[in-house]
Amino acid sequence: MFMGNLELLALNLPLIPYIAKVLSIPRNFLIPVTLFFTLMGGYIGRNNTTELLILVGFGVCATALKFADYPLTPLLIGFLWVGLDGE
């Protein structure tokens, strides 16, 4: 793992200016592209439409909680805690 981290460090340091240019992409283009790749990645994982519905459901839930000024960090820690206990 140490060697992999060193390799990523060597690869990412020269790429920092190019990665930072992603921030200059307008949101009205970046958000649909991100959603497309997220949904495609979720579907390609197991070719199951139910997982897409779960993904969209969690996204809608997280957005609603964000608009309600609910801190999402404790929610994420709770999901991880329950996920680790369930196995």
PDB file of N, CA and C in Angstrom:
ATOM      1  N   MET A   1       0.828  -1.179   0.000  1.00  0.00           N
ATOM      2  CA  MET A   1       0.000   0.000   0.000  1.00  0.00           C
ATOM      3  C   MET A   1       0.878   1.250   0.000  1.00  0.00           C
ATOM      4  N   PHE A   2       1.985   1.176   0.679  1.00  0.00           N
ATOM      5  CA  PHE A   2       2.901   2.314   0.721  1.00  0.00           C
ATOM      6  C   PHE A   2       3.428   2.629  -0.670  1.00  0.00           C
ATOM      7  N   MET A   3       3.771   1.598  -1.422  1.00  0.00           N
ATOM      8  CA  MET A   3       4.293   1.807  -2.779  1.00  0.00           C
ATOM      9  C   MET A   3       3.197   2.400  -3.676  1.00  0.00           C
ATOM     10  N   GLY A   4       1.975   1.955  -3.506  1.00  0.00           N
ATOM     11  CA  GLY A   4       0.879   2.502  -4.293  1.00  0.00           C
ATOM     12  C   GLY A   4       0.647   3.975  -3.992  1.00  0.00           C
ATOM     13  N   ASN A   5       0.748   4.362  -2.731  1.00  0.00           N
ATOM     14  CA  ASN A   5       0.602   5.766  -2.360  1.00  0.00           C
ATOM     15  C   ASN A   5       1.715   6.617  -2.938  1.00  0.00           C
ATOM     16  N   LEU A   6       2.932   6.102  -2.938  1.00  0.00           N
ATOM     17  CA  LEU A   6       4.037   6.847  -3.545  1.00  0.00           C
ATOM     18  C   LEU A   6       3.829   7.017  -5.050  1.00  0.00           C
ATOM     19  N   GLU A   7       3.328   5.974  -5.695  1.00  0.00           N
ATOM     20  CA  GLU A   7       3.069   6.058  -7.133  1.00  0.00           C
ATOM     21  C   GLU A   7       1.971   7.083  -7.434  1.00  0.00           C
ATOM     22  N   LEU A   8       0.903   7.062  -6.638  1.00  0.00           N
ATOM     23  CA  LEU A   8      -0.156   8.051  -6.833  1.00  0.00           C
ATOM     24  C   LEU A   8       0.336   9.467  -6.575  1.00  0.00           C
ATOM     25  N   LEU A   9       1.204   9.637  -5.601  1.00  0.00           N
ATOM     26  CA  LEU A   9       1.767  10.948  -5.323  1.00  0.00           C
ATOM     27  C   LEU A   9       2.573  11.438  -6.513  1.00  0.00           C
ATOM     28  N   ALA A  10       3.391  10.555  -7.081  1.00  0.00           N
ATOM     29  CA  ALA A  10       4.206  10.931  -8.234  1.00  0.00           C
ATOM     30  C   ALA A  10       3.347  11.245  -9.458  1.00  0.00           C
ATOM     31  N   LEU A  11       2.233  10.556  -9.605  1.00  0.00           N
ATOM     32  CA  LEU A  11       1.363  10.809 -10.757  1.00  0.00           C
ATOM     33  C   LEU A  11       0.492  12.048 -10.560  1.00  0.00           C
ATOM     34  N   ASN A  12       0.022  12.280  -9.354  1.00  0.00           N
ATOM     35  CA  ASN A  12      -0.941  13.358  -9.126  1.00  0.00           C
ATOM     36  C   ASN A  12      -0.308  14.732  -8.967  1.00  0.00           C
ATOM     37  N   LEU A  13       0.907  14.820  -8.459  1.00  0.00           N
ATOM     38  CA  LEU A  13       1.519  16.140  -8.288  1.00  0.00           C
ATOM     39  C   LEU A  13       1.633  16.910  -9.598  1.00  0.00           C
ATOM     40  N   PRO A  14       2.080  16.305 -10.699  1.00  0.00           N
ATOM     41  CA  PRO A  14       2.121  17.076 -11.947  1.00  0.00           C
ATOM     42  C   PRO A  14       0.733  17.373 -12.523  1.00  0.00           C
ATOM     43  N   LEU A  15      -0.276  16.620 -12.118  1.00  0.00           N
ATOM     44  CA  LEU A  15      -1.613  16.789 -12.681  1.00  0.00           C
ATOM     45  C   LEU A  15      -2.491  17.767 -11.912  1.00  0.00           C
ATOM     46  N   ILE A  16      -2.004  18.351 -10.823  1.00  0.00           N
ATOM     47  CA  ILE A  16      -2.807  19.249  -9.996  1.00  0.00           C
ATOM     48  C   ILE A  16      -3.388  20.415 -10.800  1.00  0.00           C
ATOM     49  N   PRO A  17      -2.625  21.089 -11.665  1.00  0.00           N
ATOM     50  CA  PRO A  17      -3.242  22.203 -12.412  1.00  0.00           C
ATOM     51  C   PRO A  17      -4.380  21.752 -13.323  1.00  0.00           C
ATOM     52  N   TYR A  18      -4.246  20.568 -13.900  1.00  0.00           N
ATOM     53  CA  TYR A  18      -5.294  20.084 -14.807  1.00  0.00           C
ATOM     54  C   TYR A  18      -6.527  19.632 -14.040  1.00  0.00           C
ATOM     55  N   ILE A  19      -6.326  19.030 -12.874  1.00  0.00           N
ATOM     56  CA  ILE A  19      -7.456  18.611 -12.054  1.00  0.00           C
ATOM     57  C   ILE A  19      -8.190  19.840 -11.510  1.00  0.00           C
ATOM     58  N   ALA A  20      -7.457  20.901 -11.197  1.00  0.00           N
ATOM     59  CA  ALA A  20      -8.076  22.124 -10.673  1.00  0.00           C
ATOM     60  C   ALA A  20      -8.922  22.818 -11.732  1.00  0.00           C
ATOM     61  N   LYS A  21      -8.654  22.582 -13.010  1.00  0.00           N
ATOM     62  CA  LYS A  21      -9.451  23.209 -14.073  1.00  0.00           C
ATOM     63  C   LYS A  21     -10.857  22.650 -14.145  1.00  0.00           C
ATOM     64  N   VAL A  22     -11.102  21.527 -13.478  1.00  0.00           N
ATOM     65  CA  VAL A  22     -12.459  20.982 -13.431  1.00  0.00           C
ATOM     66  C   VAL A  22     -13.390  21.991 -12.755  1.00  0.00           C
ATOM     67  N   LEU A  23     -12.857  22.784 -11.832  1.00  0.00           N
ATOM     68  CA  LEU A  23     -13.676  23.770 -11.128  1.00  0.00           C
ATOM     69  C   LEU A  23     -14.160  24.885 -12.039  1.00  0.00           C
ATOM     70  N   SER A  24     -13.513  25.056 -13.188  1.00  0.00           N
ATOM     71  CA  SER A  24     -13.938  26.115 -14.108  1.00  0.00           C
ATOM     72  C   SER A  24     -15.064  25.671 -15.035  1.00  0.00           C
ATOM     73  N   ILE A  25     -15.424  24.389 -15.010  1.00  0.00           N
ATOM     74  CA  ILE A  25     -16.519  23.890 -15.838  1.00  0.00           C
ATOM     75  C   ILE A  25     -17.834  24.377 -15.240  1.00  0.00           C
ATOM     76  N   PRO A  26     -18.740  24.922 -16.055  1.00  0.00           N
ATOM     77  CA  PRO A  26     -20.019  25.407 -15.519  1.00  0.00           C
ATOM     78  C   PRO A  26     -20.841  24.279 -14.898  1.00  0.00           C
ATOM     79  N   ARG A  27     -21.560  24.617 -13.837  1.00  0.00           N
ATOM     80  CA  ARG A  27     -22.349  23.607 -13.119  1.00  0.00           C
ATOM     81  C   ARG A  27     -23.453  23.001 -13.980  1.00  0.00           C
ATOM     82  N   ASN A  28     -24.036  23.791 -14.886  1.00  0.00           N
ATOM     83  CA  ASN A  28     -25.124  23.258 -15.695  1.00  0.00           C
ATOM     84  C   ASN A  28     -24.631  22.203 -16.687  1.00  0.00           C
ATOM     85  N   PHE A  29     -23.340  22.065 -16.862  1.00  0.00           N
ATOM     86  CA  PHE A  29     -22.776  20.988 -17.668  1.00  0.00           C
ATOM     87  C   PHE A  29     -22.214  19.878 -16.788  1.00  0.00           C
ATOM     88  N   LEU A  30     -21.597  20.253 -15.686  1.00  0.00           N
ATOM     89  CA  LEU A  30     -20.907  19.290 -14.830  1.00  0.00           C
ATOM     90  C   LEU A  30     -21.877  18.379 -14.075  1.00  0.00           C
ATOM     91  N   ILE A  31     -22.986  18.915 -13.596  1.00  0.00           N
ATOM     92  CA  ILE A  31     -23.930  18.117 -12.811  1.00  0.00           C
ATOM     93  C   ILE A  31     -24.583  17.009 -13.638  1.00  0.00           C
ATOM     94  N   PRO A  32     -25.087  17.276 -14.852  1.00  0.00           N
ATOM     95  CA  PRO A  32     -25.664  16.162 -15.631  1.00  0.00           C
ATOM     96  C   PRO A  32     -24.635  15.094 -16.008  1.00  0.00           C
ATOM     97  N   VAL A  33     -23.426  15.503 -16.308  1.00  0.00           N
ATOM     98  CA  VAL A  33     -22.383  14.526 -16.650  1.00  0.00           C
ATOM     99  C   VAL A  33     -22.057  13.656 -15.436  1.00  0.00           C
ATOM    100  N   THR A  34     -21.962  14.278 -14.268  1.00  0.00           N
ATOM    101  CA  THR A  34     -21.693  13.523 -13.044  1.00  0.00           C
ATOM    102  C   THR A  34     -22.836  12.559 -12.730  1.00  0.00           C
ATOM    103  N   LEU A  35     -24.076  13.028 -12.878  1.00  0.00           N
ATOM    104  CA  LEU A  35     -25.221  12.149 -12.641  1.00  0.00           C
ATOM    105  C   LEU A  35     -25.251  10.985 -13.618  1.00  0.00           C
ATOM    106  N   PHE A  36     -24.933  11.248 -14.885  1.00  0.00           N
ATOM    107  CA  PHE A  36     -24.914  10.183 -15.888  1.00  0.00           C
ATOM    108  C   PHE A  36     -23.916   9.088 -15.510  1.00  0.00           C
ATOM    109  N   PHE A  37     -22.692   9.498 -15.188  1.00  0.00           N
ATOM    110  CA  PHE A  37     -21.668   8.500 -14.868  1.00  0.00           C
ATOM    111  C   PHE A  37     -21.964   7.792 -13.546  1.00  0.00           C
ATOM    112  N   THR A  38     -22.585   8.487 -12.592  1.00  0.00           N
ATOM    113  CA  THR A  38     -22.966   7.846 -11.337  1.00  0.00           C
ATOM    114  C   THR A  38     -24.024   6.778 -11.573  1.00  0.00           C
ATOM    115  N   LEU A  39     -25.053   7.116 -12.349  1.00  0.00           N
ATOM    116  CA  LEU A  39     -26.113   6.147 -12.623  1.00  0.00           C
ATOM    117  C   LEU A  39     -25.606   4.979 -13.471  1.00  0.00           C
ATOM    118  N   MET A  40     -24.757   5.263 -14.436  1.00  0.00           N
ATOM    119  CA  MET A  40     -24.205   4.181 -15.255  1.00  0.00           C
ATOM    120  C   MET A  40     -23.326   3.262 -14.413  1.00  0.00           C
ATOM    121  N   GLY A  41     -22.530   3.824 -13.515  1.00  0.00           N
ATOM    122  CA  GLY A  41     -21.698   3.006 -12.637  1.00  0.00           C
ATOM    123  C   GLY A  41     -22.527   2.158 -11.698  1.00  0.00           C
ATOM    124  N   GLY A  42     -23.619   2.720 -11.205  1.00  0.00           N
ATOM    125  CA  GLY A  42     -24.509   1.954 -10.329  1.00  0.00           C
ATOM    126  C   GLY A  42     -25.214   0.830 -11.067  1.00  0.00           C
ATOM    127  N   TYR A  43     -25.548   1.049 -12.326  1.00  0.00           N
ATOM    128  CA  TYR A  43     -26.248   0.015 -13.096  1.00  0.00           C
ATOM    129  C   TYR A  43     -25.293  -1.059 -13.601  1.00  0.00           C
ATOM    130  N   ILE A  44     -24.114  -0.662 -14.012  1.00  0.00           N
ATOM    131  CA  ILE A  44     -23.149  -1.616 -14.567  1.00  0.00           C
ATOM    132  C   ILE A  44     -22.645  -2.570 -13.491  1.00  0.00           C
ATOM    133  N   GLY A  45     -22.680  -2.143 -12.227  1.00  0.00           N
ATOM    134  CA  GLY A  45     -22.195  -2.991 -11.139  1.00  0.00           C
ATOM    135  C   GLY A  45     -22.838  -4.362 -11.125  1.00  0.00           C
ATOM    136  N   ARG A  46     -24.174  -4.425 -11.209  1.00  0.00           N
ATOM    137  CA  ARG A  46     -24.876  -5.716 -11.160  1.00  0.00           C
ATOM    138  C   ARG A  46     -26.009  -5.814 -12.167  1.00  0.00           C
ATOM    139  N   ASN A  47     -26.154  -4.831 -13.042  1.00  0.00           N
ATOM    140  CA  ASN A  47     -27.237  -4.799 -14.034  1.00  0.00           C
ATOM    141  C   ASN A  47     -28.605  -4.930 -13.367  1.00  0.00           C
ATOM    142  N   ASN A  48     -28.793  -4.185 -12.303  1.00  0.00           N
ATOM    143  CA  ASN A  48     -30.011  -4.277 -11.518  1.00  0.00           C
ATOM    144  C   ASN A  48     -30.634  -2.890 -11.401  1.00  0.00           C
ATOM    145  N   THR A  49     -31.868  -2.760 -11.867  1.00  0.00           N
ATOM    146  CA  THR A  49     -32.553  -1.470 -11.822  1.00  0.00           C
ATOM    147  C   THR A  49     -32.907  -1.073 -10.395  1.00  0.00           C
ATOM    148  N   THR A  50     -33.088  -2.038  -9.515  1.00  0.00           N
ATOM    149  CA  THR A  50     -33.425  -1.734  -8.130  1.00  0.00           C
ATOM    150  C   THR A  50     -32.321  -0.918  -7.464  1.00  0.00           C
ATOM    151  N   GLU A  51     -31.086  -1.213  -7.796  1.00  0.00           N
ATOM    152  CA  GLU A  51     -29.978  -0.451  -7.215  1.00  0.00           C
ATOM    153  C   GLU A  51     -29.997   0.999  -7.686  1.00  0.00           C
ATOM    154  N   LEU A  52     -30.457   1.231  -8.902  1.00  0.00           N
ATOM    155  CA  LEU A  52     -30.602   2.612  -9.370  1.00  0.00           C
ATOM    156  C   LEU A  52     -31.662   3.346  -8.566  1.00  0.00           C
ATOM    157  N   LEU A  53     -32.767   2.672  -8.269  1.00  0.00           N
ATOM    158  CA  LEU A  53     -33.809   3.298  -7.467  1.00  0.00           C
ATOM    159  C   LEU A  53     -33.317   3.609  -6.056  1.00  0.00           C
ATOM    160  N   ILE A  54     -32.534   2.710  -5.489  1.00  0.00           N
ATOM    161  CA  ILE A  54     -31.967   2.956  -4.158  1.00  0.00           C
ATOM    162  C   ILE A  54     -31.005   4.134  -4.209  1.00  0.00           C
ATOM    163  N   LEU A  55     -30.186   4.206  -5.254  1.00  0.00           N
ATOM    164  CA  LEU A  55     -29.233   5.300  -5.422  1.00  0.00           C
ATOM    165  C   LEU A  55     -29.966   6.635  -5.526  1.00  0.00           C
ATOM    166  N   VAL A  56     -31.008   6.682  -6.343  1.00  0.00           N
ATOM    167  CA  VAL A  56     -31.775   7.915  -6.504  1.00  0.00           C
ATOM    168  C   VAL A  56     -32.513   8.253  -5.206  1.00  0.00           C
ATOM    169  N   GLY A  57     -33.035   7.253  -4.521  1.00  0.00           N
ATOM    170  CA  GLY A  57     -33.718   7.493  -3.254  1.00  0.00           C
ATOM    171  C   GLY A  57     -32.801   8.098  -2.205  1.00  0.00           C
ATOM    172  N   PHE A  58     -31.610   7.548  -2.083  1.00  0.00           N
ATOM    173  CA  PHE A  58     -30.659   8.121  -1.128  1.00  0.00           C
ATOM    174  C   PHE A  58     -30.238   9.524  -1.536  1.00  0.00           C
ATOM    175  N   GLY A  59     -30.123   9.768  -2.829  1.00  0.00           N
ATOM    176  CA  GLY A  59     -29.783  11.108  -3.303  1.00  0.00           C
ATOM    177  C   GLY A  59     -30.857  12.120  -2.982  1.00  0.00           C
ATOM    178  N   VAL A  60     -32.118  11.738  -3.191  1.00  0.00           N
ATOM    179  CA  VAL A  60     -33.233  12.632  -2.872  1.00  0.00           C
ATOM    180  C   VAL A  60     -33.309  12.865  -1.366  1.00  0.00           C
ATOM    181  N   CYS A  61     -33.101  11.813  -0.590  1.00  0.00           N
ATOM    182  CA  CYS A  61     -33.116  11.936   0.876  1.00  0.00           C
ATOM    183  C   CYS A  61     -31.998  12.867   1.355  1.00  0.00           C
ATOM    184  N   ALA A  62     -30.805  12.701   0.816  1.00  0.00           N
ATOM    185  CA  ALA A  62     -29.679  13.551   1.213  1.00  0.00           C
ATOM    186  C   ALA A  62     -29.916  15.004   0.818  1.00  0.00           C
ATOM    187  N   THR A  63     -30.502  15.223  -0.366  1.00  0.00           N
ATOM    188  CA  THR A  63     -30.798  16.590  -0.800  1.00  0.00           C
ATOM    189  C   THR A  63     -31.840  17.231   0.101  1.00  0.00           C
ATOM    190  N   ALA A  64     -32.882  16.482   0.468  1.00  0.00           N
ATOM    191  CA  ALA A  64     -33.915  17.015   1.360  1.00  0.00           C
ATOM    192  C   ALA A  64     -33.328  17.351   2.724  1.00  0.00           C
ATOM    193  N   LEU A  65     -32.460  16.488   3.236  1.00  0.00           N
ATOM    194  CA  LEU A  65     -31.843  16.763   4.533  1.00  0.00           C
ATOM    195  C   LEU A  65     -30.900  17.960   4.456  1.00  0.00           C
ATOM    196  N   LYS A  66     -30.247  18.134   3.317  1.00  0.00           N
ATOM    197  CA  LYS A  66     -29.350  19.283   3.168  1.00  0.00           C
ATOM    198  C   LYS A  66     -30.152  20.585   3.152  1.00  0.00           C
ATOM    199  N   PHE A  67     -31.304  20.592   2.455  1.00  0.00           N
ATOM    200  CA  PHE A  67     -32.144  21.786   2.436  1.00  0.00           C
ATOM    201  C   PHE A  67     -32.754  22.065   3.805  1.00  0.00           C
ATOM    202  N   ALA A  68     -32.906  21.046   4.625  1.00  0.00           N
ATOM    203  CA  ALA A  68     -33.445  21.220   5.982  1.00  0.00           C
ATOM    204  C   ALA A  68     -32.343  21.576   6.982  1.00  0.00           C
ATOM    205  N   ASP A  69     -31.138  21.839   6.496  1.00  0.00           N
ATOM    206  CA  ASP A  69     -29.981  22.194   7.331  1.00  0.00           C
ATOM    207  C   ASP A  69     -29.643  21.109   8.340  1.00  0.00           C
ATOM    208  N   TYR A  70     -29.846  19.870   7.954  1.00  0.00           N
ATOM    209  CA  TYR A  70     -29.469  18.737   8.794  1.00  0.00           C
ATOM    210  C   TYR A  70     -28.024  18.372   8.484  1.00  0.00           C
ATOM    211  N   PRO A  71     -27.154  18.207   9.478  1.00  0.00           N
ATOM    212  CA  PRO A  71     -25.768  17.845   9.185  1.00  0.00           C
ATOM    213  C   PRO A  71     -25.692  16.411   8.647  1.00  0.00           C
ATOM    214  N   LEU A  72     -25.083  16.249   7.505  1.00  0.00           N
ATOM    215  CA  LEU A  72     -25.045  14.944   6.860  1.00  0.00           C
ATOM    216  C   LEU A  72     -23.932  14.041   7.396  1.00  0.00           C
ATOM    217  N   THR A  73     -22.957  14.601   8.080  1.00  0.00           N
ATOM    218  CA  THR A  73     -21.856  13.792   8.587  1.00  0.00           C
ATOM    219  C   THR A  73     -22.318  12.741   9.602  1.00  0.00           C
ATOM    220  N   PRO A  74     -23.148  13.077  10.605  1.00  0.00           N
ATOM    221  CA  PRO A  74     -23.615  12.024  11.520  1.00  0.00           C
ATOM    222  C   PRO A  74     -24.442  10.955  10.812  1.00  0.00           C
ATOM    223  N   LEU A  75     -25.187  11.359   9.796  1.00  0.00           N
ATOM    224  CA  LEU A  75     -25.977  10.391   9.036  1.00  0.00           C
ATOM    225  C   LEU A  75     -25.069   9.409   8.311  1.00  0.00           C
ATOM    226  N   LEU A  76     -24.012   9.920   7.699  1.00  0.00           N
ATOM    227  CA  LEU A  76     -23.056   9.065   6.993  1.00  0.00           C
ATOM    228  C   LEU A  76     -22.356   8.123   7.967  1.00  0.00           C
ATOM    229  N   ILE A  77     -21.960   8.621   9.118  1.00  0.00           N
ATOM    230  CA  ILE A  77     -21.317   7.767  10.117  1.00  0.00           C
ATOM    231  C   ILE A  77     -22.292   6.690  10.582  1.00  0.00           C
ATOM    232  N   GLY A  78     -23.568   7.051  10.736  1.00  0.00           N
ATOM    233  CA  GLY A  78     -24.574   6.059  11.128  1.00  0.00           C
ATOM    234  C   GLY A  78     -24.746   4.975  10.084  1.00  0.00           C
ATOM    235  N   PHE A  79     -24.776   5.343   8.800  1.00  0.00           N
ATOM    236  CA  PHE A  79     -24.893   4.351   7.738  1.00  0.00           C
ATOM    237  C   PHE A  79     -23.693   3.414   7.742  1.00  0.00           C
ATOM    238  N   LEU A  80     -22.517   3.981   7.924  1.00  0.00           N
ATOM    239  CA  LEU A  80     -21.318   3.132   7.944  1.00  0.00           C
ATOM    240  C   LEU A  80     -21.317   2.214   9.154  1.00  0.00           C
ATOM    241  N   TRP A  81     -21.750   2.733  10.296  1.00  0.00           N
ATOM    242  CA  TRP A  81     -21.780   1.927  11.520  1.00  0.00           C
ATOM    243  C   TRP A  81     -22.753   0.750  11.372  1.00  0.00           C
ATOM    244  N   VAL A  82     -23.943   1.029  10.850  1.00  0.00           N
ATOM    245  CA  VAL A  82     -24.936  -0.027  10.660  1.00  0.00           C
ATOM    246  C   VAL A  82     -24.439  -1.033   9.622  1.00  0.00           C
ATOM    247  N   GLY A  83     -23.784  -0.533   8.561  1.00  0.00           N
ATOM    248  CA  GLY A  83     -23.264  -1.421   7.533  1.00  0.00           C
ATOM    249  C   GLY A  83     -22.187  -2.349   8.063  1.00  0.00           C
ATOM    250  N   LEU A  84     -21.356  -1.858   8.961  1.00  0.00           N
ATOM    251  CA  LEU A  84     -20.298  -2.704   9.527  1.00  0.00           C
ATOM    252  C   LEU A  84     -20.870  -3.703  10.518  1.00  0.00           C
ATOM    253  N   ASP A  85     -21.915  -3.325  11.255  1.00  0.00           N
ATOM    254  CA  ASP A  85     -22.535  -4.248  12.206  1.00  0.00           C
ATOM    255  C   ASP A  85     -23.320  -5.340  11.502  1.00  0.00           C
ATOM    256  N   GLY A  86     -23.843  -5.039  10.321  1.00  0.00           N
ATOM    257  CA  GLY A  86     -24.682  -5.994   9.617  1.00  0.00           C
ATOM    258  C   GLY A  86     -23.918  -7.169   9.017  1.00  0.00           C
ATOM    259  N   GLU A  87     -22.613  -7.005   8.866  1.00  0.00           N
ATOM    260  CA  GLU A  87     -21.844  -8.093   8.226  1.00  0.00           C
ATOM    261  C   GLU A  87     -21.291  -9.074   9.222  1.00  0.00           C
TER     262      GLU A  87
END
